[in-house]
C-alpha atoms as a PDB file:
ATOM      1  CA  MET A   1      31.281 -14.239  19.586  1.00  0.00           C
ATOM      2  CA  GLU A   2      29.294 -11.822  21.678  1.00  0.00           C
ATOM      3  CA  GLU A   3      25.664 -12.125  22.691  1.00  0.00           C
ATOM      4  CA  VAL A   4      23.900  -8.806  23.069  1.00  0.00           C
ATOM      5  CA  ASN A   5      21.591  -8.584  26.086  1.00  0.00           C
ATOM      6  CA  ASN A   6      19.246  -5.767  27.027  1.00  0.00           C
ATOM      7  CA  SER A   7      20.036  -4.834  30.627  1.00  0.00           C
ATOM      8  CA  LYS A   8      17.081  -4.571  33.001  1.00  0.00           C
ATOM      9  CA  ASP A   9      16.626  -2.580  36.169  1.00  0.00           C
ATOM     10  CA  ILE A  10      15.137  -4.264  39.231  1.00  0.00           C
ATOM     11  CA  GLU A  11      12.973  -2.114  41.481  1.00  0.00           C
ATOM     12  CA  THR A  12      10.806  -2.729  44.534  1.00  0.00           C
ATOM     13  CA  ARG A  13       7.155  -1.708  44.614  1.00  0.00           C
ATOM     14  CA  LYS A  14       4.793  -1.744  47.595  1.00  0.00           C
ATOM     15  CA  VAL A  15       1.430  -3.445  47.102  1.00  0.00           C
ATOM     16  CA  GLN A  16      -1.421  -1.006  47.735  1.00  0.00           C
ATOM     17  CA  LYS A  17      -5.133  -1.459  48.231  1.00  0.00           C
ATOM     18  CA  LEU A  18      -7.853  -0.074  45.997  1.00  0.00           C
ATOM     19  CA  GLY A  19     -11.451  -0.244  47.192  1.00  0.00           C
ATOM     20  CA  SER A  20     -12.536  -3.125  49.393  1.00  0.00           C
ATOM     21  CA  SER A  21     -10.665  -6.001  47.755  1.00  0.00           C
ATOM     22  CA  SER A  22      -8.447  -4.937  44.827  1.00  0.00           C
ATOM     23  CA  LEU A  23      -4.644  -4.744  45.148  1.00  0.00           C
ATOM     24  CA  PHE A  24      -2.340  -2.833  42.814  1.00  0.00           C
ATOM     25  CA  ILE A  25       1.221  -1.610  42.252  1.00  0.00           C
ATOM     26  CA  THR A  26       2.400   1.386  40.240  1.00  0.00           C
ATOM     27  CA  LEU A  27       4.530   1.059  37.116  1.00  0.00           C
ATOM     28  CA  PRO A  28       8.114   2.443  37.166  1.00  0.00           C
ATOM     29  CA  LYS A  29       8.198   5.969  35.716  1.00  0.00           C
ATOM     30  CA  LYS A  30      11.478   5.289  33.923  1.00  0.00           C
ATOM     31  CA  TRP A  31       9.901   2.358  32.079  1.00  0.00           C
ATOM     32  CA  ILE A  32       6.748   4.348  31.273  1.00  0.00           C
ATOM     33  CA  ASN A  33       8.780   7.172  29.741  1.00  0.00           C
ATOM     34  CA  ARG A  34      11.104   4.914  27.801  1.00  0.00           C
ATOM     35  CA  TRP A  35       8.312   2.988  26.101  1.00  0.00           C
ATOM     36  CA  ASN A  36       5.813   5.855  25.957  1.00  0.00           C
ATOM     37  CA  ILE A  37       3.132   3.948  27.877  1.00  0.00           C
ATOM     38  CA  LYS A  38      -0.269   5.624  27.795  1.00  0.00           C
ATOM     39  CA  PRO A  39      -3.563   5.013  29.634  1.00  0.00           C
ATOM     40  CA  GLY A  40      -5.460   2.323  27.761  1.00  0.00           C
ATOM     41  CA  ASP A  41      -2.345   0.491  26.543  1.00  0.00           C
ATOM     42  CA  LYS A  42      -2.464  -3.289  27.008  1.00  0.00           C
ATOM     43  CA  ILE A  43      -0.012  -4.948  29.395  1.00  0.00           C
ATOM     44  CA  LEU A  44       0.733  -8.653  29.027  1.00  0.00           C
ATOM     45  CA  ILE A  45       1.028 -10.503  32.349  1.00  0.00           C
ATOM     46  CA  GLU A  46       2.894 -13.810  32.428  1.00  0.00           C
ATOM     47  CA  VAL A  47       2.387 -15.923  35.566  1.00  0.00           C
ATOM     48  CA  SER A  48       5.093 -18.477  36.423  1.00  0.00           C
ATOM     49  CA  GLU A  49       4.875 -21.446  38.783  1.00  0.00           C
ATOM     50  CA  ASP A  50       7.810 -20.111  40.810  1.00  0.00           C
ATOM     51  CA  GLY A  51       5.663 -17.189  41.965  1.00  0.00           C
ATOM     52  CA  SER A  52       7.092 -14.549  39.621  1.00  0.00           C
ATOM     53  CA  LEU A  53       5.154 -12.208  37.358  1.00  0.00           C
ATOM     54  CA  LYS A  54       6.405 -10.714  34.113  1.00  0.00           C
ATOM     55  CA  LEU A  55       4.782  -7.556  32.754  1.00  0.00           C
ATOM     56  CA  LEU A  56       5.305  -6.592  29.126  1.00  0.00           C
ATOM     57  CA  ALA A  57       3.750  -3.777  27.125  1.00  0.00           C
ATOM     58  CA  GLU A  58       2.104  -5.362  24.094  1.00  0.00           C
ATOM     59  CA  LYS A  59       3.321  -2.691  21.692  1.00  0.00           C
ATOM     60  CA  VAL A  60       6.976  -3.208  22.638  1.00  0.00           C
ATOM     61  CA  LYS A  61       6.838  -6.985  22.978  1.00  0.00           C
ATOM     62  CA  THR A  62       8.834  -7.572  19.802  1.00  0.00           C
ATOM     63  CA  VAL A  63      11.580  -5.131  20.769  1.00  0.00           C
ATOM     64  CA  ALA A  64      11.837  -6.392  24.340  1.00  0.00           C
ATOM     65  CA  ASN A  65      12.181 -10.014  23.265  1.00  0.00           C
ATOM     66  CA  LYS A  66      14.691  -9.350  20.516  1.00  0.00           C
ATOM     67  CA  ARG A  67      17.743 -11.598  20.675  1.00  0.00           C
ATOM     68  CA  SER A  68      20.938 -10.424  19.010  1.00  0.00           C
ATOM     69  CA  ILE A  69      24.356 -11.959  18.515  1.00  0.00           C
ATOM     70  CA  LYS A  70      27.582 -10.552  17.089  1.00  0.00           C
ATOM     71  CA  ILE A  71      30.161 -12.788  15.375  1.00  0.00           C
ATOM     72  CA  ASP A  72      33.833 -11.850  14.951  1.00  0.00           C
ATOM     73  CA  ILE A  73      34.539 -13.228  11.475  1.00  0.00           C
ATOM     74  CA  ASP A  74      38.307 -12.973  11.910  1.00  0.00           C
ATOM     75  CA  SER A  75      38.173 -15.413  14.851  1.00  0.00           C
ATOM     76  CA  LEU A  76      35.531 -17.717  13.351  1.00  0.00           C
ATOM     77  CA  LYS A  77      36.838 -21.221  12.617  1.00  0.00           C
ATOM     78  CA  GLN A  78      34.003 -22.318  10.326  1.00  0.00           C
ATOM     79  CA  PRO A  79      32.240 -20.931   7.223  1.00  0.00           C
ATOM     80  CA  MET A  80      29.762 -18.160   7.997  1.00  0.00           C
ATOM     81  CA  PRO A  81      26.840 -19.615   5.987  1.00  0.00           C
ATOM     82  CA  GLY A  82      26.989 -22.848   7.997  1.00  0.00           C
ATOM     83  CA  ILE A  83      26.188 -21.200  11.316  1.00  0.00           C
ATOM     84  CA  ILE A  84      23.174 -19.190  10.140  1.00  0.00           C
ATOM     85  CA  PRO A  85      20.732 -22.154  10.330  1.00  0.00           C
ATOM     86  CA  CYS A  86      22.043 -22.907  13.845  1.00  0.00           C
ATOM     87  CA  LEU A  87      21.528 -19.358  15.123  1.00  0.00           C
ATOM     88  CA  TYR A  88      18.153 -19.139  13.368  1.00  0.00           C
ATOM     89  CA  SER A  89      17.045 -22.377  15.048  1.00  0.00           C
ATOM     90  CA  LEU A  90      18.277 -21.102  18.421  1.00  0.00           C
ATOM     91  CA  GLY A  91      15.907 -18.158  18.113  1.00  0.00           C
ATOM     92  CA  TYR A  92      18.190 -15.221  17.302  1.00  0.00           C
ATOM     93  CA  ASP A  93      16.424 -12.288  15.643  1.00  0.00           C
ATOM     94  CA  GLU A  94      19.547 -10.378  14.659  1.00  0.00           C
ATOM     95  CA  ILE A  95      22.873 -11.892  13.545  1.00  0.00           C
ATOM     96  CA  VAL A  96      25.753  -9.507  12.890  1.00  0.00           C
ATOM     97  CA  PHE A  97      29.005 -10.574  11.227  1.00  0.00           C
ATOM     98  CA  GLU A  98      31.926  -8.153  11.618  1.00  0.00           C
ATOM     99  CA  SER A  99      35.489  -8.154  10.295  1.00  0.00           C
ATOM    100  CA  LYS A 100      38.411  -5.755  10.285  1.00  0.00           C
ATOM    101  CA  LYS A 101      39.096  -6.866   6.725  1.00  0.00           C
ATOM    102  CA  PRO A 102      36.963  -6.264   3.623  1.00  0.00           C
ATOM    103  CA  LEU A 103      34.426  -9.052   3.136  1.00  0.00           C
ATOM    104  CA  VAL A 104      34.834 -11.408   0.177  1.00  0.00           C
ATOM    105  CA  GLN A 105      31.969 -11.030  -2.286  1.00  0.00           C
ATOM    106  CA  LYS A 106      31.579 -14.801  -2.572  1.00  0.00           C
ATOM    107  CA  ASP A 107      31.014 -15.064   1.204  1.00  0.00           C
ATOM    108  CA  VAL A 108      28.389 -12.321   1.023  1.00  0.00           C
ATOM    109  CA  GLU A 109      26.556 -14.117  -1.790  1.00  0.00           C
ATOM    110  CA  GLU A 110      26.611 -17.415   0.134  1.00  0.00           C
ATOM    111  CA  ILE A 111      25.168 -15.741   3.227  1.00  0.00           C
ATOM    112  CA  VAL A 112      22.407 -14.169   1.134  1.00  0.00           C
ATOM    113  CA  ASN A 113      21.564 -17.550  -0.441  1.00  0.00           C
ATOM    114  CA  VAL A 114      21.510 -19.408   2.898  1.00  0.00           C
ATOM    115  CA  THR A 115      19.401 -16.682   4.498  1.00  0.00           C
ATOM    116  CA  LYS A 116      16.776 -17.140   1.783  1.00  0.00           C
ATOM    117  CA  GLN A 117      16.319 -20.710   3.038  1.00  0.00           C
ATOM    118  CA  MET A 118      15.313 -19.419   6.491  1.00  0.00           C
ATOM    119  CA  VAL A 119      11.652 -18.380   6.522  1.00  0.00           C
ATOM    120  CA  GLY A 120      11.215 -14.757   7.602  1.00  0.00           C
ATOM    121  CA  SER A 121      14.935 -13.911   7.380  1.00  0.00           C
ATOM    122  CA  GLU A 122      16.784 -11.474   5.165  1.00  0.00           C
ATOM    123  CA  VAL A 123      20.106  -9.676   4.866  1.00  0.00           C
ATOM    124  CA  THR A 124      19.331  -6.090   5.874  1.00  0.00           C
ATOM    125  CA  GLU A 125      22.815  -4.557   5.898  1.00  0.00           C
ATOM    126  CA  VAL A 126      26.007  -5.131   3.910  1.00  0.00           C
ATOM    127  CA  SER A 127      29.074  -2.925   4.224  1.00  0.00           C
ATOM    128  CA  GLU A 128      32.810  -3.412   3.751  1.00  0.00           C
ATOM    129  CA  GLY A 129      33.337  -5.283   7.012  1.00  0.00           C
ATOM    130  CA  ARG A 130      29.824  -5.968   8.294  1.00  0.00           C
ATOM    131  CA  ILE A 131      26.763  -8.059   7.403  1.00  0.00           C
ATOM    132  CA  LYS A 132      23.510  -8.064   9.334  1.00  0.00           C
ATOM    133  CA  VAL A 133      20.879 -10.792   9.049  1.00  0.00           C
ATOM    134  CA  GLU A 134      17.470 -10.189  10.609  1.00  0.00           C
ATOM    135  CA  CYS A 135      14.617 -12.587  11.249  1.00  0.00           C
ATOM    136  CA  LEU A 136      11.143 -11.080  11.389  1.00  0.00           C
ATOM    137  CA  LEU A 137       9.391 -14.390  12.043  1.00  0.00           C
ATOM    138  CA  ASP A 138       7.321 -14.382  15.240  1.00  0.00           C
ATOM    139  CA  SER A 139       7.767 -18.016  16.282  1.00  0.00           C
ATOM    140  CA  GLU A 140       5.150 -17.702  19.023  1.00  0.00           C
ATOM    141  CA  LYS A 141       2.453 -17.490  16.347  1.00  0.00           C
ATOM    142  CA  ILE A 142       3.493 -20.801  14.785  1.00  0.00           C
ATOM    143  CA  GLY A 143       1.854 -23.983  16.058  1.00  0.00           C
ATOM    144  CA  LEU A 144       3.838 -27.208  16.260  1.00  0.00           C
ATOM    145  CA  GLU A 145       0.876 -29.151  14.903  1.00  0.00           C
ATOM    146  CA  SER A 146       0.750 -26.859  11.872  1.00  0.00           C
ATOM    147  CA  LEU A 147       4.475 -27.278  11.184  1.00  0.00           C
ATOM    148  CA  LEU A 148       4.371 -31.076  11.481  1.00  0.00           C
ATOM    149  CA  ARG A 149       1.361 -31.189   9.179  1.00  0.00           C
ATOM    150  CA  ARG A 150       3.218 -29.042   6.669  1.00  0.00           C
ATOM    151  CA  MET A 151       6.183 -31.449   6.749  1.00  0.00           C
ATOM    152  CA  LEU A 152       3.723 -34.298   6.280  1.00  0.00           C
ATOM    153  CA  ASN A 153       2.140 -32.495   3.328  1.00  0.00           C
ATOM    154  CA  VAL A 154       5.512 -32.051   1.558  1.00  0.00           C
ATOM    155  CA  ILE A 155       6.333 -35.753   1.953  1.00  0.00           C
ATOM    156  CA  SER A 156       2.840 -36.739   0.786  1.00  0.00           C
ATOM    157  CA  LYS A 157       3.438 -34.725  -2.381  1.00  0.00           C
ATOM    158  CA  LYS A 158       6.632 -36.723  -2.932  1.00  0.00           C
ATOM    159  CA  VAL A 159       4.620 -39.933  -2.624  1.00  0.00           C
ATOM    160  CA  ASP A 160       2.019 -38.606  -5.078  1.00  0.00           C
ATOM    161  CA  GLU A 161       4.837 -37.667  -7.450  1.00  0.00           C
ATOM    162  CA  ILE A 162       6.171 -41.248  -7.510  1.00  0.00           C
ATOM    163  CA  VAL A 163       2.701 -42.779  -7.852  1.00  0.00           C
ATOM    164  CA  ALA A 164       1.871 -40.383 -10.713  1.00  0.00           C
ATOM    165  CA  TYR A 165       5.067 -41.406 -12.506  1.00  0.00           C
ATOM    166  CA  LEU A 166       4.232 -45.112 -12.107  1.00  0.00           C
ATOM    167  CA  ASN A 167       0.780 -44.373 -13.566  1.00  0.00           C
ATOM    168  CA  GLY A 168       2.349 -42.564 -16.520  1.00  0.00           C
ATOM    169  CA  GLU A 169       0.940 -39.224 -15.347  1.00  0.00           C
ATOM    170  CA  SER A 170       2.432 -35.862 -14.443  1.00  0.00           C
ATOM    171  CA  PRO A 171       2.222 -34.830 -10.765  1.00  0.00           C
ATOM    172  CA  ARG A 172      -0.325 -32.098 -10.109  1.00  0.00           C
ATOM    173  CA  GLU A 173       2.103 -30.205  -7.895  1.00  0.00           C
ATOM    174  CA  PRO A 174       5.776 -31.311  -7.839  1.00  0.00           C
ATOM    175  CA  ALA A 175       7.261 -31.532  -4.352  1.00  0.00           C
ATOM    176  CA  ASN A 176       9.972 -29.061  -3.348  1.00  0.00           C
ATOM    177  CA  SER A 177      12.623 -30.719  -1.171  1.00  0.00           C
ATOM    178  CA  ASP A 178      13.861 -27.344   0.091  1.00  0.00           C
ATOM    179  CA  ASP A 179      10.441 -26.677   1.638  1.00  0.00           C
ATOM    180  CA  LEU A 180      10.889 -29.613   4.001  1.00  0.00           C
ATOM    181  CA  ARG A 181      14.143 -28.236   5.412  1.00  0.00           C
ATOM    182  CA  ARG A 182      12.677 -24.726   5.740  1.00  0.00           C
ATOM    183  CA  ILE A 183       9.775 -26.072   7.793  1.00  0.00           C
ATOM    184  CA  TYR A 184      12.182 -28.158   9.871  1.00  0.00           C
ATOM    185  CA  TYR A 185      14.196 -25.066  10.827  1.00  0.00           C
ATOM    186  CA  MET A 186      10.980 -23.216  11.681  1.00  0.00           C
ATOM    187  CA  LEU A 187       9.963 -26.092  13.945  1.00  0.00           C
ATOM    188  CA  LEU A 188      13.321 -26.044  15.753  1.00  0.00           C
ATOM    189  CA  ARG A 189      13.060 -22.277  16.225  1.00  0.00           C
ATOM    190  CA  ARG A 190       9.554 -22.628  17.637  1.00  0.00           C
ATOM    191  CA  ILE A 191      10.479 -25.382  20.096  1.00  0.00           C
ATOM    192  CA  VAL A 192      13.563 -23.524  21.348  1.00  0.00           C
ATOM    193  CA  SER A 193      11.414 -20.431  22.002  1.00  0.00           C
ATOM    194  CA  ILE A 194       8.897 -22.268  24.199  1.00  0.00           C
ATOM    195  CA  ARG A 195       9.042 -21.647  27.942  1.00  0.00           C
ATOM    196  CA  TYR A 196       8.168 -24.943  29.545  1.00  0.00           C
ATOM    197  CA  ASP A 197       5.987 -25.039  32.625  1.00  0.00           C
ATOM    198  CA  THR A 198       6.255 -28.819  33.044  1.00  0.00           C
ATOM    199  CA  ALA A 199       8.888 -31.472  32.352  1.00  0.00           C
ATOM    200  CA  ARG A 200       6.227 -33.452  30.478  1.00  0.00           C
ATOM    201  CA  ASN A 201       5.817 -30.765  27.817  1.00  0.00           C
ATOM    202  CA  MET A 202       9.574 -30.475  27.396  1.00  0.00           C
ATOM    203  CA  THR A 203       9.896 -34.256  27.014  1.00  0.00           C
ATOM    204  CA  LYS A 204       7.074 -34.379  24.482  1.00  0.00           C
ATOM    205  CA  ASN A 205       8.715 -31.700  22.362  1.00  0.00           C
ATOM    206  CA  PHE A 206      11.971 -33.653  22.538  1.00  0.00           C
ATOM    207  CA  PHE A 207      10.184 -36.520  20.779  1.00  0.00           C
ATOM    208  CA  ILE A 208       8.695 -34.066  18.275  1.00  0.00           C
ATOM    209  CA  VAL A 209      12.198 -32.884  17.335  1.00  0.00           C
ATOM    210  CA  MET A 210      13.405 -36.480  16.982  1.00  0.00           C
ATOM    211  CA  ASN A 211      10.499 -37.246  14.677  1.00  0.00           C
ATOM    212  CA  ALA A 212      11.063 -34.061  12.669  1.00  0.00           C
ATOM    213  CA  ILE A 213      14.615 -35.265  11.986  1.00  0.00           C
ATOM    214  CA  LEU A 214      13.255 -38.645  10.853  1.00  0.00           C
ATOM    215  CA  LEU A 215      10.685 -36.903   8.628  1.00  0.00           C
ATOM    216  CA  LEU A 216      13.528 -34.936   7.068  1.00  0.00           C
ATOM    217  CA  ASN A 217      15.298 -38.230   6.393  1.00  0.00           C
ATOM    218  CA  THR A 218      12.050 -39.667   5.015  1.00  0.00           C
ATOM    219  CA  GLY A 219      11.889 -36.845   2.477  1.00  0.00           C
ATOM    220  CA  ASN A 220      15.449 -37.607   1.341  1.00  0.00           C
ATOM    221  CA  LEU A 221      14.649 -41.314   0.981  1.00  0.00           C
ATOM    222  CA  MET A 222      11.557 -40.489  -1.083  1.00  0.00           C
ATOM    223  CA  SER A 223      13.760 -38.554  -3.507  1.00  0.00           C
ATOM    224  CA  LYS A 224      16.132 -41.520  -3.807  1.00  0.00           C
ATOM    225  CA  ILE A 225      13.234 -43.926  -4.367  1.00  0.00           C
ATOM    226  CA  TYR A 226      11.859 -41.638  -7.088  1.00  0.00           C
ATOM    227  CA  ASN A 227      15.216 -41.612  -8.881  1.00  0.00           C
ATOM    228  CA  VAL A 228      15.496 -45.422  -8.693  1.00  0.00           C
ATOM    229  CA  VAL A 229      11.920 -45.916  -9.915  1.00  0.00           C
ATOM    230  CA  LYS A 230      12.665 -43.731 -12.945  1.00  0.00           C
ATOM    231  CA  SER A 231      15.874 -45.609 -13.757  1.00  0.00           C
ATOM    232  CA  GLU A 232      14.658 -49.218 -13.367  1.00  0.00           C
ATOM    233  CA  GLU A 233      12.332 -51.246 -15.570  1.00  0.00           C
ATOM    234  CA  LEU A 234       9.352 -52.267 -13.480  1.00  0.00           C
ATOM    235  CA  GLY A 235       6.604 -54.625 -14.582  1.00  0.00           C
ATOM    236  CA  GLU A 236       2.950 -53.811 -14.026  1.00  0.00           C
ATOM    237  CA  VAL A 237       2.737 -56.147 -11.020  1.00  0.00           C
ATOM    238  CA  GLU A 238       5.816 -54.566  -9.420  1.00  0.00           C
ATOM    239  CA  LYS A 239       4.462 -51.081 -10.119  1.00  0.00           C
ATOM    240  CA  GLY A 240       1.262 -52.060  -8.355  1.00  0.00           C
ATOM    241  CA  VAL A 241       3.192 -53.313  -5.318  1.00  0.00           C
ATOM    242  CA  ILE A 242       5.246 -50.110  -5.094  1.00  0.00           C
ATOM    243  CA  LYS A 243       2.154 -47.899  -5.443  1.00  0.00           C
ATOM    244  CA  GLU A 244       0.242 -49.782  -2.793  1.00  0.00           C
ATOM    245  CA  SER A 245       3.233 -49.742  -0.430  1.00  0.00           C
ATOM    246  CA  LEU A 246       3.756 -45.996  -0.862  1.00  0.00           C
ATOM    247  CA  GLN A 247       0.087 -45.268  -0.300  1.00  0.00           C
ATOM    248  CA  ARG A 248       0.203 -47.299   2.905  1.00  0.00           C
ATOM    249  CA  ILE A 249       3.323 -45.352   3.930  1.00  0.00           C
ATOM    250  CA  ASN A 250       1.288 -42.174   3.505  1.00  0.00           C
ATOM    251  CA  ASP A 251      -1.150 -43.608   6.058  1.00  0.00           C
ATOM    252  CA  LEU A 252       1.761 -44.528   8.325  1.00  0.00           C
ATOM    253  CA  LEU A 253       3.106 -40.972   8.182  1.00  0.00           C
ATOM    254  CA  ASP A 254      -0.244 -39.693   9.378  1.00  0.00           C
ATOM    255  CA  GLU A 255      -0.219 -42.098  12.343  1.00  0.00           C
ATOM    256  CA  VAL A 256       3.341 -41.074  13.280  1.00  0.00           C
ATOM    257  CA  VAL A 257       2.553 -37.353  13.289  1.00  0.00           C
ATOM    258  CA  MET A 258      -0.856 -37.564  14.931  1.00  0.00           C
ATOM    259  CA  THR A 259       0.310 -39.930  17.691  1.00  0.00           C
ATOM    260  CA  VAL A 260       3.145 -37.670  18.828  1.00  0.00           C
ATOM    261  CA  LEU A 261       0.690 -34.750  18.977  1.00  0.00           C
ATOM    262  CA  PHE A 262      -2.326 -36.637  20.348  1.00  0.00           C
ATOM    263  CA  PRO A 263      -1.185 -39.919  21.975  1.00  0.00           C
ATOM    264  CA  SER A 264      -3.369 -42.818  20.902  1.00  0.00           C
ATOM    265  CA  ILE A 265      -2.946 -46.562  21.444  1.00  0.00           C
ATOM    266  CA  LYS A 266      -5.221 -47.218  18.465  1.00  0.00           C
ATOM    267  CA  ARG A 267      -3.025 -45.152  16.144  1.00  0.00           C
ATOM    268  CA  VAL A 268       0.151 -46.896  17.350  1.00  0.00           C
ATOM    269  CA  ALA A 269      -1.426 -50.313  16.747  1.00  0.00           C
ATOM    270  CA  ASN A 270      -2.597 -49.240  13.293  1.00  0.00           C
ATOM    271  CA  GLY A 271       0.889 -47.948  12.490  1.00  0.00           C
ATOM    272  CA  LEU A 272       2.499 -51.244  13.465  1.00  0.00           C
ATOM    273  CA  SER A 273      -0.028 -53.085  11.296  1.00  0.00           C
ATOM    274  CA  ILE A 274       0.803 -50.884   8.298  1.00  0.00           C
ATOM    275  CA  ILE A 275       4.539 -51.572   8.758  1.00  0.00           C
ATOM    276  CA  LYS A 276       3.890 -55.333   8.586  1.00  0.00           C
ATOM    277  CA  GLN A 277       1.730 -54.900   5.478  1.00  0.00           C
ATOM    278  CA  VAL A 278       4.343 -52.843   3.634  1.00  0.00           C
ATOM    279  CA  ARG A 279       7.123 -55.304   4.430  1.00  0.00           C
ATOM    280  CA  ALA A 280       4.928 -58.186   3.312  1.00  0.00           C
ATOM    281  CA  ASN A 281       4.139 -56.377   0.046  1.00  0.00           C
ATOM    282  CA  MET A 282       7.788 -55.582  -0.694  1.00  0.00           C
ATOM    283  CA  SER A 283       8.821 -59.198  -0.107  1.00  0.00           C
ATOM    284  CA  SER A 284       7.112 -60.067  -3.408  1.00  0.00           C
ATOM    285  CA  VAL A 285       9.444 -57.807  -5.423  1.00  0.00           C
ATOM    286  CA  ASP A 286      12.363 -59.563  -7.147  1.00  0.00           C
ATOM    287  CA  GLN A 287      15.407 -58.826  -4.962  1.00  0.00           C
ATOM    288  CA  LYS A 288      17.951 -59.658  -7.663  1.00  0.00           C
ATOM    289  CA  LYS A 289      16.475 -57.177 -10.142  1.00  0.00           C
ATOM    290  CA  HIS A 290      15.545 -54.404  -7.751  1.00  0.00           C
ATOM    291  CA  GLN A 291      17.906 -54.687  -4.782  1.00  0.00           C
ATOM    292  CA  LEU A 292      18.548 -50.927  -4.520  1.00  0.00           C
ATOM    293  CA  LEU A 293      14.840 -50.091  -4.587  1.00  0.00           C
ATOM    294  CA  ILE A 294      14.086 -52.718  -1.932  1.00  0.00           C
ATOM    295  CA  ASN A 295      16.913 -51.388   0.258  1.00  0.00           C
ATOM    296  CA  TYR A 296      15.600 -47.820   0.057  1.00  0.00           C
ATOM    297  CA  MET A 297      12.061 -48.967   0.830  1.00  0.00           C
ATOM    298  CA  GLU A 298      13.291 -50.903   3.862  1.00  0.00           C
ATOM    299  CA  ASP A 299      15.286 -47.861   5.031  1.00  0.00           C
ATOM    300  CA  LEU A 300      12.097 -45.822   4.674  1.00  0.00           C
ATOM    301  CA  VAL A 301       9.995 -48.281   6.672  1.00  0.00           C
ATOM    302  CA  SER A 302      12.689 -48.610   9.367  1.00  0.00           C
ATOM    303  CA  SER A 303      12.943 -44.821   9.704  1.00  0.00           C
ATOM    304  CA  LEU A 304       9.184 -44.479  10.153  1.00  0.00           C
ATOM    305  CA  GLU A 305       9.151 -47.438  12.536  1.00  0.00           C
ATOM    306  CA  SER A 306      11.627 -45.531  14.730  1.00  0.00           C
ATOM    307  CA  ALA A 307       9.423 -42.445  14.468  1.00  0.00           C
ATOM    308  CA  LEU A 308       6.395 -44.485  15.541  1.00  0.00           C
ATOM    309  CA  ASP A 309       8.387 -45.807  18.519  1.00  0.00           C
ATOM    310  CA  ASN A 310       9.133 -42.200  19.500  1.00  0.00           C
ATOM    311  CA  SER A 311       5.493 -41.250  19.133  1.00  0.00           C
ATOM    312  CA  SER A 312       4.363 -44.206  21.246  1.00  0.00           C
ATOM    313  CA  CYS A 313       6.567 -42.961  24.111  1.00  0.00           C
ATOM    314  CA  THR A 314       4.242 -39.971  24.494  1.00  0.00           C
ATOM    315  CA  LEU A 315       1.501 -42.366  25.646  1.00  0.00           C
ATOM    316  CA  PHE A 316       3.309 -42.663  28.967  1.00  0.00           C
ATOM    317  CA  LEU A 317       3.381 -38.888  29.425  1.00  0.00           C
ATOM    318  CA  GLU A 318      -0.396 -38.866  29.679  1.00  0.00           C
ATOM    319  CA  ASP A 319      -2.622 -39.880  32.583  1.00  0.00           C
ATOM    320  CA  MET A 320      -3.933 -43.137  31.167  1.00  0.00           C
ATOM    321  CA  PRO A 321      -6.324 -45.234  33.282  1.00  0.00           C
ATOM    322  CA  TRP A 322      -4.044 -48.276  32.949  1.00  0.00           C
ATOM    323  CA  ILE A 323      -0.962 -46.486  34.316  1.00  0.00           C
ATOM    324  CA  GLU A 324      -0.033 -46.273  38.005  1.00  0.00           C
ATOM    325  CA  ARG A 325       2.864 -44.013  38.931  1.00  0.00           C
ATOM    326  CA  ASN A 326       5.187 -43.611  41.905  1.00  0.00           C
ATOM    327  CA  LEU A 327       4.566 -47.073  43.310  1.00  0.00           C
ATOM    328  CA  THR A 328       6.182 -47.903  46.651  1.00  0.00           C
ATOM    329  CA  PRO A 329       6.932 -51.434  47.920  1.00  0.00           C
END
């Protein structure tokens, strides 16, 4: 496995004075010629806390930031399709598989199918011993809040689907389980691409990833609950309990997501209250008749309880008036 890096020259420039107060440096001629920089072009300036500056021509930003990796298929010890989600999540824009032997058509088809699950990715080259996968998704334009809300929306549709079934109705828009995993991979890719200026932001995003994993699990549990609900005979009272519990879980999901993004003691307290209510509701369901359903519901509540615990940790990353730090005896 070989990672392709674009080599960079390091040059020294003397700071010069312009007018009474302005300072400037000239741009390297080699760089200007290579990227065809013209007067009026925009230059992005990134200021780091360590005192360094990074200059990047806006029109070549995509090319300059491109990350490529080459995989020797003959030495690979695991199936090719299985590593594509990993490399996608790690932020690679170009993945090249090469072999000295002719590629098996089945492997090519599997790579194409897996690539379709990665938003913004496609197979752009297939030859006898080479496959190239490219990702055109600009992760910097994707907000974490937007991605978490999209995961929340998919799960909410699953809840609506179950409630509609219990009401004898057809869901307005059936939930697609694959969408949840696609969004999850996008979220991982976005978080990996972030350059952290503080440990607090890095820690917060760690909790976001943990909760994204739990949301993924929540989606799977919703599918299992739906299958059980369709296979078991539920009375009207039991249907009412399940519907009310699922609707409360929808509220709990909102508290979990919003608290990790915008820490709030009130939301955490409300989430804990909802958990108690759902457990109290489910205790009225006949355990002997519906043991599997009760187990799945408890797994669901426990998973979201863990997610709420993660979200509540972000409270202590903020400067709350009731927190004193760095105390000395």
